[in-house]
Amino acid sequence: MDDPNAKDTTLIVAALVVVLTAAAIVFGLFLFSRL
């Protein structure tokens, strides 16, 4: 299965996961700093 779009999709999903994780960490630190 050599789908040329498979690698791009994987990279996009990985990038989204990284961005969402970073956003969750920043949001968590923001809430923690307001306690």
PDB file of N, CA and C in Angstrom:
ATOM      1  N   MET A   1       0.841  -1.197   0.000  1.00  0.00           N
ATOM      2  CA  MET A   1       0.000   0.000   0.000  1.00  0.00           C
ATOM      3  C   MET A   1       0.877   1.247   0.000  1.00  0.00           C
ATOM      4  N   ASP A   2       1.168   1.777  -1.158  1.00  0.00           N
ATOM      5  CA  ASP A   2       1.981   2.987  -1.253  1.00  0.00           C
ATOM      6  C   ASP A   2       1.080   4.173  -1.568  1.00  0.00           C
ATOM      7  N   ASP A   3       0.374   4.617  -0.552  1.00  0.00           N
ATOM      8  CA  ASP A   3      -0.514   5.760  -0.743  1.00  0.00           C
ATOM      9  C   ASP A   3       0.268   7.045  -0.479  1.00  0.00           C
ATOM     10  N   PRO A   4       0.432   7.880  -1.485  1.00  0.00           N
ATOM     11  CA  PRO A   4       1.236   9.104  -1.302  1.00  0.00           C
ATOM     12  C   PRO A   4       0.630  10.051  -0.278  1.00  0.00           C
ATOM     13  N   ASN A   5      -0.685   9.921  -0.023  1.00  0.00           N
ATOM     14  CA  ASN A   5      -1.333  10.810   0.940  1.00  0.00           C
ATOM     15  C   ASN A   5      -1.247  10.280   2.367  1.00  0.00           C
ATOM     16  N   ALA A   6      -0.871   9.010   2.515  1.00  0.00           N
ATOM     17  CA  ALA A   6      -0.850   8.407   3.850  1.00  0.00           C
ATOM     18  C   ALA A   6       0.177   9.111   4.734  1.00  0.00           C
ATOM     19  N   LYS A   7       1.363   9.379   4.177  1.00  0.00           N
ATOM     20  CA  LYS A   7       2.418  10.000   4.979  1.00  0.00           C
ATOM     21  C   LYS A   7       2.010  11.415   5.381  1.00  0.00           C
ATOM     22  N   ASP A   8       1.404  12.152   4.439  1.00  0.00           N
ATOM     23  CA  ASP A   8       0.974  13.512   4.760  1.00  0.00           C
ATOM     24  C   ASP A   8      -0.091  13.494   5.849  1.00  0.00           C
ATOM     25  N   THR A   9      -1.026  12.558   5.742  1.00  0.00           N
ATOM     26  CA  THR A   9      -2.081  12.470   6.751  1.00  0.00           C
ATOM     27  C   THR A   9      -1.482  12.156   8.115  1.00  0.00           C
ATOM     28  N   THR A  10      -0.503  11.246   8.137  1.00  0.00           N
ATOM     29  CA  THR A  10       0.143  10.888   9.400  1.00  0.00           C
ATOM     30  C   THR A  10       0.841  12.109  10.004  1.00  0.00           C
ATOM     31  N   LEU A  11       1.517  12.882   9.154  1.00  0.00           N
ATOM     32  CA  LEU A  11       2.209  14.074   9.650  1.00  0.00           C
ATOM     33  C   LEU A  11       1.213  15.096  10.180  1.00  0.00           C
ATOM     34  N   ILE A  12       0.094  15.249   9.482  1.00  0.00           N
ATOM     35  CA  ILE A  12      -0.918  16.214   9.928  1.00  0.00           C
ATOM     36  C   ILE A  12      -1.497  15.789  11.270  1.00  0.00           C
ATOM     37  N   VAL A  13      -1.818  14.501  11.398  1.00  0.00           N
ATOM     38  CA  VAL A  13      -2.374  14.000  12.657  1.00  0.00           C
ATOM     39  C   VAL A  13      -1.358  14.165  13.779  1.00  0.00           C
ATOM     40  N   ALA A  14      -0.093  13.847  13.507  1.00  0.00           N
ATOM     41  CA  ALA A  14       0.949  13.987  14.524  1.00  0.00           C
ATOM     42  C   ALA A  14       1.090  15.452  14.941  1.00  0.00           C
ATOM     43  N   ALA A  15       1.041  16.350  13.972  1.00  0.00           N
ATOM     44  CA  ALA A  15       1.161  17.775  14.282  1.00  0.00           C
ATOM     45  C   ALA A  15      -0.021  18.236  15.136  1.00  0.00           C
ATOM     46  N   LEU A  16      -1.223  17.760  14.797  1.00  0.00           N
ATOM     47  CA  LEU A  16      -2.401  18.136  15.586  1.00  0.00           C
ATOM     48  C   LEU A  16      -2.280  17.635  17.014  1.00  0.00           C
ATOM     49  N   VAL A  17      -1.787  16.407  17.176  1.00  0.00           N
ATOM     50  CA  VAL A  17      -1.631  15.845  18.522  1.00  0.00           C
ATOM     51  C   VAL A  17      -0.637  16.679  19.319  1.00  0.00           C
ATOM     52  N   VAL A  18       0.471  17.061  18.683  1.00  0.00           N
ATOM     53  CA  VAL A  18       1.483  17.865  19.377  1.00  0.00           C
ATOM     54  C   VAL A  18       0.907  19.220  19.774  1.00  0.00           C
ATOM     55  N   VAL A  19       0.183  19.845  18.854  1.00  0.00           N
ATOM     56  CA  VAL A  19      -0.388  21.168  19.141  1.00  0.00           C
ATOM     57  C   VAL A  19      -1.422  21.076  20.262  1.00  0.00           C
ATOM     58  N   LEU A  20      -2.285  20.057  20.189  1.00  0.00           N
ATOM     59  CA  LEU A  20      -3.312  19.910  21.226  1.00  0.00           C
ATOM     60  C   LEU A  20      -2.676  19.615  22.577  1.00  0.00           C
ATOM     61  N   THR A  21      -1.623  18.794  22.583  1.00  0.00           N
ATOM     62  CA  THR A  21      -0.938  18.477  23.836  1.00  0.00           C
ATOM     63  C   THR A  21      -0.294  19.733  24.419  1.00  0.00           C
ATOM     64  N   ALA A  22       0.359  20.509  23.564  1.00  0.00           N
ATOM     65  CA  ALA A  22       0.992  21.743  24.029  1.00  0.00           C
ATOM     66  C   ALA A  22      -0.065  22.708  24.567  1.00  0.00           C
ATOM     67  N   ALA A  23      -1.197  22.803  23.874  1.00  0.00           N
ATOM     68  CA  ALA A  23      -2.263  23.699  24.323  1.00  0.00           C
ATOM     69  C   ALA A  23      -2.815  23.234  25.667  1.00  0.00           C
ATOM     70  N   ALA A  24      -2.965  21.927  25.835  1.00  0.00           N
ATOM     71  CA  ALA A  24      -3.479  21.396  27.096  1.00  0.00           C
ATOM     72  C   ALA A  24      -2.503  21.686  28.235  1.00  0.00           C
ATOM     73  N   ILE A  25      -1.204  21.561  27.965  1.00  0.00           N
ATOM     74  CA  ILE A  25      -0.196  21.826  28.999  1.00  0.00           C
ATOM     75  C   ILE A  25      -0.220  23.309  29.380  1.00  0.00           C
ATOM     76  N   VAL A  26      -0.255  24.176  28.371  1.00  0.00           N
ATOM     77  CA  VAL A  26      -0.276  25.617  28.640  1.00  0.00           C
ATOM     78  C   VAL A  26      -1.541  25.991  29.409  1.00  0.00           C
ATOM     79  N   PHE A  27      -2.683  25.428  28.989  1.00  0.00           N
ATOM     80  CA  PHE A  27      -3.948  25.725  29.663  1.00  0.00           C
ATOM     81  C   PHE A  27      -3.910  25.218  31.099  1.00  0.00           C
ATOM     82  N   GLY A  28      -3.337  24.034  31.305  1.00  0.00           N
ATOM     83  CA  GLY A  28      -3.229  23.476  32.652  1.00  0.00           C
ATOM     84  C   GLY A  28      -2.331  24.332  33.539  1.00  0.00           C
ATOM     85  N   LEU A  29      -1.212  24.777  32.991  1.00  0.00           N
ATOM     86  CA  LEU A  29      -0.315  25.632  33.770  1.00  0.00           C
ATOM     87  C   LEU A  29      -0.994  26.963  34.089  1.00  0.00           C
ATOM     88  N   PHE A  30      -1.762  27.486  33.128  1.00  0.00           N
ATOM     89  CA  PHE A  30      -2.476  28.747  33.353  1.00  0.00           C
ATOM     90  C   PHE A  30      -3.481  28.601  34.486  1.00  0.00           C
ATOM     91  N   LEU A  31      -4.237  27.513  34.473  1.00  0.00           N
ATOM     92  CA  LEU A  31      -5.216  27.297  35.545  1.00  0.00           C
ATOM     93  C   LEU A  31      -4.499  27.073  36.874  1.00  0.00           C
ATOM     94  N   PHE A  32      -3.402  26.306  36.842  1.00  0.00           N
ATOM     95  CA  PHE A  32      -2.672  25.998  38.076  1.00  0.00           C
ATOM     96  C   PHE A  32      -2.084  27.268  38.685  1.00  0.00           C
ATOM     97  N   SER A  33      -1.646  28.199  37.838  1.00  0.00           N
ATOM     98  CA  SER A  33      -1.025  29.429  38.345  1.00  0.00           C
ATOM     99  C   SER A  33      -2.063  30.357  38.966  1.00  0.00           C
ATOM    100  N   ARG A  34      -3.353  30.122  38.682  1.00  0.00           N
ATOM    101  CA  ARG A  34      -4.395  30.988  39.229  1.00  0.00           C
ATOM    102  C   ARG A  34      -4.970  30.439  40.519  1.00  0.00           C
ATOM    103  N   LEU A  35      -4.530  29.271  40.935  1.00  0.00           N
ATOM    104  CA  LEU A  35      -5.053  28.693  42.169  1.00  0.00           C
ATOM    105  C   LEU A  35      -4.549  29.482  43.371  1.00  0.00           C
TER     106      LEU A  35
END
